[in-house]
């Protein structure tokens, strides 16, 4: 049997190294731009929750309904942010790939050609660009970093409103009655809220465990992401 020839890479010229440096700067710029867009949707969610809190606690007789409605807005913002995060992750992964395989060996006075495969992986990603993570993973990461805490504040504020306004609650039945919204019984509202928060928490925990497993395998991985 004949041994297959190994793929050989020539040393980069000064002009090529300069081009790669400019490429790295471009990826950093794009990742920074999309990182700012992530902050924008988070700010929208926080501001919306703040408005709902102001309306709900403006008086003892104010309805807690705005705190329920804002949950729909928070969900929409989170979905939008997950989509933006998938774009951000593309630029971030490329920049991190160049840092790890090009700049780090250079700074350590090593040969950046030792791992010849890194150039092929980067070139393939430019030739056939695609997302490096799926939509569910992006959602889980954004929930874990930001939205789980926003939802917890929303839930605590809603329960606090039911407990103290218009007067301190005196019985569990009274608490359930205050949670009612029109013809919808309070039990259903509270159960739906609990499922809502638990689903977010479960998704964040599940994605966190998957990410931790991926980190343990990263040293042997030859893929961006």
Protein backbone atom coordinates (compact mmCIF):
# COMPACT_ATOMS: atom_id res chain seq x y z
CA UNK A 1 0.00 0.00 0.00
CA UNK A 2 1.21 3.49 -0.81
CA UNK A 3 1.16 6.12 1.88
CA UNK A 4 -1.01 9.09 1.05
CA UNK A 5 0.96 12.33 0.76
CA UNK A 6 0.44 14.75 3.59
CA UNK A 7 -0.97 18.14 2.82
CA UNK A 8 1.88 20.64 2.82
CA UNK A 9 1.53 24.33 3.60
CA UNK A 10 4.10 26.89 2.59
CA UNK A 11 5.30 29.52 5.00
CA UNK A 12 3.29 32.69 4.84
CA UNK A 13 4.97 35.70 3.31
CA UNK A 14 5.07 39.09 5.00
CA UNK A 15 2.25 40.31 2.77
CA UNK A 16 0.12 37.25 3.62
CA UNK A 17 0.77 37.69 7.34
CA UNK A 18 -0.29 41.33 7.01
CA UNK A 19 -3.45 40.27 5.18
CA UNK A 20 -4.21 37.75 7.92
CA UNK A 21 -3.74 40.46 10.54
CA UNK A 22 -6.24 42.68 8.73
CA UNK A 23 -8.61 39.72 8.45
CA UNK A 24 -8.34 39.22 12.22
CA UNK A 25 -9.10 42.89 12.83
CA UNK A 26 -12.16 42.58 10.61
CA UNK A 27 -13.46 39.57 12.54
CA UNK A 28 -12.91 41.39 15.84
CA UNK A 29 -14.81 44.41 14.50
CA UNK A 30 -17.75 42.29 13.34
CA UNK A 31 -17.90 40.35 16.61
CA UNK A 32 -17.84 43.64 18.55
CA UNK A 33 -20.65 45.03 16.40
CA UNK A 34 -22.85 41.99 16.94
CA UNK A 35 -21.96 41.94 20.65
CA UNK A 36 -23.40 45.46 20.86
CA UNK A 37 -26.58 44.23 19.17
CA UNK A 38 -26.89 41.52 21.82
CA UNK A 39 -26.70 44.19 24.52
CA UNK A 40 -29.41 46.15 22.71
CA UNK A 41 -32.03 43.40 22.90
CA UNK A 42 -31.13 42.72 26.54
CA UNK A 43 -31.63 46.41 27.27
CA UNK A 44 -35.04 46.28 25.56
CA UNK A 45 -36.07 43.42 27.83
CA UNK A 46 -34.85 45.22 30.95
CA UNK A 47 -36.55 48.49 30.00
CA UNK A 48 -39.82 46.67 29.21
CA UNK A 49 -39.71 44.93 32.58
CA UNK A 50 -38.95 48.24 34.28
CA UNK A 51 -41.99 49.87 32.68
CA UNK A 52 -44.19 46.93 33.73
CA UNK A 53 -42.88 47.20 37.29
CA UNK A 54 -43.56 50.94 37.37
CA UNK A 55 -47.13 50.49 36.17
CA UNK A 56 -47.87 47.54 38.44
CA UNK A 57 -46.50 49.14 41.62
CA UNK A 58 -47.72 52.67 40.84
CA UNK A 59 -50.59 52.17 43.28
CA UNK A 60 -52.01 49.51 45.56
CA UNK A 61 -55.00 49.03 43.26
CA UNK A 62 -52.95 48.69 40.04
CA UNK A 63 -53.33 45.38 38.21
CA UNK A 64 -50.45 42.84 38.14
CA UNK A 65 -51.42 42.01 34.54
CA UNK A 66 -48.58 44.12 32.98
CA UNK A 67 -46.07 41.79 34.63
CA UNK A 68 -47.68 38.86 32.82
CA UNK A 69 -47.89 40.62 29.46
CA UNK A 70 -44.26 41.72 29.60
CA UNK A 71 -43.30 38.05 29.74
CA UNK A 72 -44.38 37.75 26.10
CA UNK A 73 -42.14 40.67 25.15
CA UNK A 74 -39.22 39.17 27.06
CA UNK A 75 -39.71 35.89 25.22
CA UNK A 76 -39.71 37.68 21.84
CA UNK A 77 -36.58 39.65 22.73
CA UNK A 78 -34.85 36.47 23.83
CA UNK A 79 -35.68 34.74 20.54
CA UNK A 80 -34.35 37.71 18.60
CA UNK A 81 -31.20 37.79 20.72
CA UNK A 82 -30.60 34.06 20.18
CA UNK A 83 -30.70 34.65 16.43
CA UNK A 84 -28.22 37.51 16.78
CA UNK A 85 -26.00 35.38 19.00
CA UNK A 86 -25.63 32.77 16.25
CA UNK A 87 -24.21 35.47 13.98
CA UNK A 88 -21.96 36.81 16.74
CA UNK A 89 -20.63 33.33 17.42
CA UNK A 90 -19.44 32.98 13.82
CA UNK A 91 -17.20 36.05 14.03
CA UNK A 92 -16.10 35.25 17.60
CA UNK A 93 -15.14 31.67 16.70
CA UNK A 94 -13.08 32.75 13.70
CA UNK A 95 -11.19 35.37 15.71
CA UNK A 96 -10.57 32.93 18.53
CA UNK A 97 -9.35 30.31 16.04
CA UNK A 98 -6.73 32.69 14.65
CA UNK A 99 -5.67 33.72 18.15
CA UNK A 100 -5.18 30.12 19.23
CA UNK A 101 -3.44 28.75 16.15
CA UNK A 102 -1.62 31.75 14.71
CA UNK A 103 -0.97 34.45 17.28
CA UNK A 104 -0.32 32.23 20.30
CA UNK A 105 2.41 30.15 18.60
CA UNK A 106 3.93 33.36 17.24
CA UNK A 107 4.04 34.96 20.71
CA UNK A 108 5.54 31.78 22.17
CA UNK A 109 8.24 31.72 19.44
CA UNK A 110 6.85 28.49 18.03
CA UNK A 111 6.04 27.40 14.50
CA UNK A 112 2.44 28.23 13.63
CA UNK A 113 2.62 25.51 10.97
CA UNK A 114 2.85 22.70 13.58
CA UNK A 115 -0.91 22.23 13.45
CA UNK A 116 -1.26 22.50 9.68
CA UNK A 117 -4.98 21.66 9.83
CA UNK A 118 -6.02 25.02 11.29
CA UNK A 119 -5.60 26.87 8.00
CA UNK A 120 -7.75 24.32 6.15
CA UNK A 121 -10.52 24.61 8.77
CA UNK A 122 -10.51 28.41 8.57
CA UNK A 123 -10.44 28.38 4.78
CA UNK A 124 -13.36 25.93 4.66
CA UNK A 125 -15.36 28.16 6.99
CA UNK A 126 -14.86 31.10 4.65
CA UNK A 127 -15.57 28.99 1.58
CA UNK A 128 -18.77 27.49 3.02
CA UNK A 129 -19.89 29.73 5.88
CA UNK A 130 -22.44 28.31 8.29
CA UNK A 131 -23.60 28.69 11.88
CA UNK A 132 -21.43 26.93 14.45
CA UNK A 133 -24.21 26.37 16.98
CA UNK A 134 -27.90 25.60 16.63
CA UNK A 135 -30.74 27.89 17.63
CA UNK A 136 -31.57 26.01 20.85
CA UNK A 137 -27.97 26.25 22.06
CA UNK A 138 -27.97 29.98 21.37
CA UNK A 139 -31.20 30.37 23.35
CA UNK A 140 -29.80 28.38 26.27
CA UNK A 141 -26.67 30.50 26.44
CA UNK A 142 -28.55 33.79 26.40
CA UNK A 143 -31.00 32.53 29.02
CA UNK A 144 -28.16 31.43 31.26
CA UNK A 145 -26.26 34.69 30.91
CA UNK A 146 -29.12 37.21 31.07
CA UNK A 147 -32.72 36.18 30.67
CA UNK A 148 -33.04 33.72 33.54
CA UNK A 149 -32.27 36.53 35.97
CA UNK A 150 -34.72 38.86 34.22
CA UNK A 151 -37.45 36.20 34.50
CA UNK A 152 -36.68 35.61 38.17
CA UNK A 153 -37.07 39.33 38.88
CA UNK A 154 -40.35 39.30 36.95
CA UNK A 155 -41.64 36.27 38.89
CA UNK A 156 -40.62 37.65 42.30
CA UNK A 157 -42.21 41.01 41.53
CA UNK A 158 -45.43 39.35 40.38
CA UNK A 159 -45.70 37.19 43.49
CA UNK A 160 -44.83 40.17 45.68
CA UNK A 161 -47.61 42.20 44.06
CA UNK A 162 -50.13 39.46 44.79
CA UNK A 163 -48.97 39.19 48.40
CA UNK A 164 -49.02 42.87 49.41
CA UNK A 165 -51.55 44.69 47.19
CA UNK A 166 -54.14 45.98 47.66
CA UNK A 167 -53.74 44.64 51.22
CA UNK A 168 -51.49 41.92 52.66
CA UNK A 169 -52.84 38.51 51.73
CA UNK A 170 -54.54 36.64 54.59
CA UNK A 171 -55.06 33.17 53.12
CA UNK A 172 -53.92 30.92 50.31
CA UNK A 173 -57.37 31.04 48.70
CA UNK A 174 -57.18 34.82 48.62
CA UNK A 175 -53.75 34.60 46.99
CA UNK A 176 -55.09 32.26 44.28
CA UNK A 177 -58.07 34.54 43.73
CA UNK A 178 -55.81 37.55 43.18
CA UNK A 179 -53.88 35.63 40.52
CA UNK A 180 -57.04 35.15 38.45
CA UNK A 181 -57.25 37.03 35.15
CA UNK A 182 -60.82 37.46 33.95
CA UNK A 183 -62.28 33.98 33.36
CA UNK A 184 -58.87 32.32 33.74
CA UNK A 185 -58.49 30.83 37.25
CA UNK A 186 -55.52 31.73 39.37
CA UNK A 187 -54.37 28.12 39.61
CA UNK A 188 -53.91 28.01 35.83
CA UNK A 189 -52.08 31.33 35.74
CA UNK A 190 -49.64 30.29 38.48
CA UNK A 191 -49.11 26.84 36.96
CA UNK A 192 -48.38 28.36 33.56
CA UNK A 193 -45.94 30.80 35.14
CA UNK A 194 -44.13 28.00 36.97
CA UNK A 195 -43.83 25.94 33.78
CA UNK A 196 -42.65 29.05 31.93
CA UNK A 197 -39.77 29.69 34.34
CA UNK A 198 -38.88 26.01 34.73
CA UNK A 199 -38.61 25.54 30.96
CA UNK A 200 -36.20 28.44 30.76
CA UNK A 201 -34.17 27.08 33.68
CA UNK A 202 -34.07 23.57 32.22
CA UNK A 203 -32.93 24.80 28.82
CA UNK A 204 -30.19 26.92 30.38
CA UNK A 205 -28.99 24.00 32.52
CA UNK A 206 -29.09 21.54 29.64
CA UNK A 207 -27.10 23.78 27.31
CA UNK A 208 -24.64 24.56 30.11
CA UNK A 209 -23.90 20.86 30.59
CA UNK A 210 -23.49 20.37 26.84
CA UNK A 211 -21.10 23.33 26.62
CA UNK A 212 -19.07 21.95 29.53
CA UNK A 213 -18.74 18.62 27.74
CA UNK A 214 -17.64 20.40 24.56
CA UNK A 215 -14.99 22.36 26.47
CA UNK A 216 -13.49 19.11 27.76
CA UNK A 217 -13.18 17.89 24.18
CA UNK A 218 -11.96 21.16 22.71
CA UNK A 219 -8.28 20.24 22.81
CA UNK A 220 -8.92 17.40 20.38
CA UNK A 221 -11.44 19.26 18.24
CA UNK A 222 -10.63 20.39 14.70
CA UNK A 223 -13.73 22.49 14.20
CA UNK A 224 -14.75 26.05 14.82
CA UNK A 225 -17.46 26.87 17.33
